[in-house]
């Protein structure tokens, strides 16, 4: 199992930032689709400017090295940051899926991914590709719980076998994302949204 270059403490800090993205779930819930598209399109353009700046503008390079390098994964130095893909995934979910499915997909991307990363880093022992069985199990169980909460809130209508199937398939997508060189923020949202769209009762 490959280990992240960042320390567990910085991993926790990184995931706290990831959890702060839950405001996006609330925003998608309260805004109309057109308003949400405008908001997240604007944010995405801002991240494009930032991504350009951290490669070519000295002051942004300096600020990035001072405040972000400890929480960036190695591959993010050569590609976009995870935050860019969070915004991109949110925008695509709003465009492609209905409101309830978009909300659930974004929540899975934020919460299940957080639990998987922290449990996997802290307790991971059994290797599966470049992940851990413990992390994958945390992802699966947290996705099951989120879908059950969504059903209880009447956001979607799915039965338990469907919840289990969707959770398992999204867990597999998350597991394979790095091998396929796809950012998991993007793959989780798209997989969750597609599966819920086609499998909702």
Protein backbone atom coordinates (compact mmCIF):
# COMPACT_ATOMS: atom_id res chain seq x y z
CA UNK A 1 0.00 0.00 0.00
CA UNK A 2 1.44 3.35 -0.99
CA UNK A 3 1.53 5.95 1.72
CA UNK A 4 0.79 9.60 1.30
CA UNK A 5 3.74 11.93 1.48
CA UNK A 6 1.91 14.20 3.93
CA UNK A 7 1.78 13.38 7.64
CA UNK A 8 -1.34 12.09 9.36
CA UNK A 9 -1.71 15.43 11.14
CA UNK A 10 -1.67 17.25 7.81
CA UNK A 11 -4.05 14.65 6.42
CA UNK A 12 -6.50 15.55 9.20
CA UNK A 13 -6.10 19.24 8.39
CA UNK A 14 -6.61 18.53 4.69
CA UNK A 15 -9.80 16.62 5.45
CA UNK A 16 -11.09 19.39 7.71
CA UNK A 17 -10.79 21.69 4.71
CA UNK A 18 -12.56 19.03 2.65
CA UNK A 19 -15.37 18.88 5.22
CA UNK A 20 -15.76 22.64 5.02
CA UNK A 21 -17.01 22.03 1.47
CA UNK A 22 -20.30 20.88 3.00
CA UNK A 23 -21.48 24.44 2.43
CA UNK A 24 -21.81 23.38 -1.20
CA UNK A 25 -24.45 20.81 -0.24
CA UNK A 26 -26.51 23.51 1.49
CA UNK A 27 -25.99 25.89 -1.42
CA UNK A 28 -27.20 23.39 -4.01
CA UNK A 29 -30.24 22.74 -1.80
CA UNK A 30 -31.29 26.39 -1.47
CA UNK A 31 -30.37 27.78 -4.89
CA UNK A 32 -32.10 27.20 -8.18
CA UNK A 33 -30.20 25.19 -10.76
CA UNK A 34 -29.31 28.28 -12.81
CA UNK A 35 -28.10 30.13 -9.72
CA UNK A 36 -25.97 27.18 -8.64
CA UNK A 37 -24.48 26.83 -12.13
CA UNK A 38 -23.57 30.52 -12.15
CA UNK A 39 -22.00 30.34 -8.69
CA UNK A 40 -19.92 27.23 -9.25
CA UNK A 41 -18.90 28.28 -12.77
CA UNK A 42 -17.55 31.49 -11.27
CA UNK A 43 -15.73 29.56 -8.53
CA UNK A 44 -14.26 27.20 -11.10
CA UNK A 45 -12.92 30.10 -13.14
CA UNK A 46 -11.35 31.44 -9.95
CA UNK A 47 -9.63 28.11 -9.36
CA UNK A 48 -8.38 28.06 -12.96
CA UNK A 49 -6.76 31.45 -12.32
CA UNK A 50 -5.27 30.14 -9.05
CA UNK A 51 -3.93 26.99 -10.72
CA UNK A 52 -2.28 29.10 -13.39
CA UNK A 53 -0.94 31.49 -10.78
CA UNK A 54 0.67 28.84 -8.57
CA UNK A 55 2.73 27.77 -11.57
CA UNK A 56 3.57 31.09 -13.18
CA UNK A 57 3.03 34.01 -10.76
CA UNK A 58 5.74 34.44 -8.16
CA UNK A 59 3.63 35.79 -5.30
CA UNK A 60 1.08 32.98 -5.66
CA UNK A 61 3.91 30.44 -5.87
CA UNK A 62 5.34 31.85 -2.65
CA UNK A 63 1.99 31.82 -0.80
CA UNK A 64 1.31 28.29 -1.99
CA UNK A 65 4.68 27.05 -0.76
CA UNK A 66 4.19 28.81 2.59
CA UNK A 67 0.64 27.69 3.36
CA UNK A 68 -0.42 24.79 1.14
CA UNK A 69 2.57 22.59 0.34
CA UNK A 70 2.25 20.60 3.57
CA UNK A 71 -1.26 19.43 2.66
CA UNK A 72 -0.86 18.95 -1.09
CA UNK A 73 -0.33 15.44 -2.38
CA UNK A 74 2.65 14.83 -4.62
CA UNK A 75 0.63 14.53 -7.81
CA UNK A 76 -1.08 17.87 -7.15
CA UNK A 77 2.21 19.63 -7.83
CA UNK A 78 1.96 18.47 -11.43
CA UNK A 79 -1.82 18.64 -11.86
CA UNK A 80 -4.84 20.44 -10.45
CA UNK A 81 -5.49 20.45 -6.71
CA UNK A 82 -8.26 18.40 -5.15
CA UNK A 83 -10.14 21.64 -4.41
CA UNK A 84 -10.37 22.37 -8.13
CA UNK A 85 -11.94 18.96 -8.72
CA UNK A 86 -14.37 19.43 -5.82
CA UNK A 87 -15.73 22.56 -7.49
CA UNK A 88 -15.72 20.94 -10.95
CA UNK A 89 -17.53 17.88 -9.62
CA UNK A 90 -20.13 20.04 -7.88
CA UNK A 91 -20.75 22.07 -11.03
CA UNK A 92 -21.13 18.93 -13.15
CA UNK A 93 -23.50 17.35 -10.63
CA UNK A 94 -25.76 20.42 -10.74
CA UNK A 95 -25.77 20.37 -14.55
CA UNK A 96 -26.20 16.63 -15.05
CA UNK A 97 -28.42 15.45 -12.18
CA UNK A 98 -31.58 16.54 -10.44
CA UNK A 99 -31.29 18.51 -7.22
CA UNK A 100 -31.66 15.62 -4.76
CA UNK A 101 -29.19 13.38 -6.58
CA UNK A 102 -26.66 16.22 -6.85
CA UNK A 103 -26.93 16.93 -3.11
CA UNK A 104 -26.41 13.27 -2.19
CA UNK A 105 -23.53 12.80 -4.63
CA UNK A 106 -21.68 15.84 -3.30
CA UNK A 107 -22.25 14.70 0.30
CA UNK A 108 -20.82 11.25 -0.51
CA UNK A 109 -17.79 12.84 -2.13
CA UNK A 110 -17.14 14.99 0.93
CA UNK A 111 -18.09 12.74 3.84
CA UNK A 112 -17.37 9.20 2.65
CA UNK A 113 -14.05 10.23 1.16
CA UNK A 114 -13.09 11.91 4.44
CA UNK A 115 -13.93 8.85 6.54
CA UNK A 116 -12.12 6.55 4.11
CA UNK A 117 -8.95 8.66 4.12
CA UNK A 118 -8.74 9.08 7.88
CA UNK A 119 -9.63 5.50 8.78
CA UNK A 120 -7.35 4.18 6.07
CA UNK A 121 -4.41 6.31 7.19
CA UNK A 122 -4.91 5.58 10.89
CA UNK A 123 -5.92 1.92 10.88
CA UNK A 124 -5.19 0.63 7.39
CA UNK A 125 -3.34 -2.69 7.42
CA UNK A 126 -4.72 -4.76 4.55
CA UNK A 127 -3.65 -3.45 1.14
CA UNK A 128 -6.00 -3.26 -1.84
CA UNK A 129 -4.27 -1.66 -4.82
CA UNK A 130 -3.00 1.64 -3.35
CA UNK A 131 -5.80 1.82 -0.73
CA UNK A 132 -6.61 -0.18 2.39
CA UNK A 133 -9.43 -2.58 3.16
CA UNK A 134 -10.19 -0.58 6.29
CA UNK A 135 -10.48 2.67 4.33
CA UNK A 136 -12.66 1.05 1.67
CA UNK A 137 -14.91 -0.40 4.37
CA UNK A 138 -15.25 3.04 5.97
CA UNK A 139 -16.18 4.50 2.59
CA UNK A 140 -18.77 1.79 1.95
CA UNK A 141 -20.40 2.01 5.39
CA UNK A 142 -20.53 5.80 5.43
CA UNK A 143 -22.10 5.80 1.94
CA UNK A 144 -24.73 3.30 3.10
CA UNK A 145 -25.48 5.55 6.08
CA UNK A 146 -25.72 8.68 3.92
CA UNK A 147 -28.12 6.99 1.51
CA UNK A 148 -30.27 5.74 4.38
CA UNK A 149 -30.39 9.29 5.76
CA UNK A 150 -31.35 10.59 2.30
CA UNK A 151 -34.21 8.08 2.16
CA UNK A 152 -35.33 9.06 5.66
CA UNK A 153 -35.35 12.71 4.57
CA UNK A 154 -37.39 11.76 1.46
CA UNK A 155 -34.69 13.07 -0.88
CA UNK A 156 -34.77 9.80 -2.80
CA UNK A 157 -36.78 6.60 -2.75
CA UNK A 158 -34.56 3.52 -2.89
CA UNK A 159 -34.74 0.15 -1.16
CA UNK A 160 -31.99 -1.39 0.95
CA UNK A 161 -30.61 -3.71 -1.77
CA UNK A 162 -30.25 -0.68 -4.05
CA UNK A 163 -28.51 1.28 -1.30
CA UNK A 164 -26.07 -1.58 -0.80
CA UNK A 165 -25.43 -1.96 -4.54
CA UNK A 166 -24.89 1.76 -5.14
CA UNK A 167 -22.58 1.97 -2.12
CA UNK A 168 -20.53 -1.01 -3.26
CA UNK A 169 -20.17 0.25 -6.84
CA UNK A 170 -19.18 3.75 -5.77
CA UNK A 171 -16.64 2.24 -3.35
CA UNK A 172 -15.13 0.28 -6.24
CA UNK A 173 -14.99 3.44 -8.37
CA UNK A 174 -13.20 5.27 -5.54
CA UNK A 175 -10.78 2.37 -5.16
CA UNK A 176 -9.91 2.34 -8.87
CA UNK A 177 -9.76 6.10 -9.40
CA UNK A 178 -6.06 6.58 -8.76
CA UNK A 179 -5.14 3.59 -10.93
CA UNK A 180 -7.21 5.11 -13.74
CA UNK A 181 -5.62 8.51 -13.03
CA UNK A 182 -8.98 10.15 -12.34
CA UNK A 183 -9.38 12.44 -9.35
CA UNK A 184 -11.67 10.68 -6.89
CA UNK A 185 -13.60 13.86 -6.09
CA UNK A 186 -14.77 13.83 -9.68
CA UNK A 187 -15.25 10.08 -10.08
CA UNK A 188 -17.21 9.69 -6.83
CA UNK A 189 -19.70 12.42 -7.72
CA UNK A 190 -20.22 11.24 -11.30
CA UNK A 191 -20.53 7.58 -10.31
CA UNK A 192 -22.92 8.33 -7.43
CA UNK A 193 -25.05 10.64 -9.56
CA UNK A 194 -25.25 8.24 -12.48
CA UNK A 195 -26.08 5.20 -10.33
CA UNK A 196 -28.72 7.02 -8.31
CA UNK A 197 -30.26 8.44 -11.48
CA UNK A 198 -30.66 5.04 -13.10
CA UNK A 199 -31.47 3.04 -9.96
CA UNK A 200 -33.88 5.33 -8.08
CA UNK A 201 -37.31 3.73 -7.71
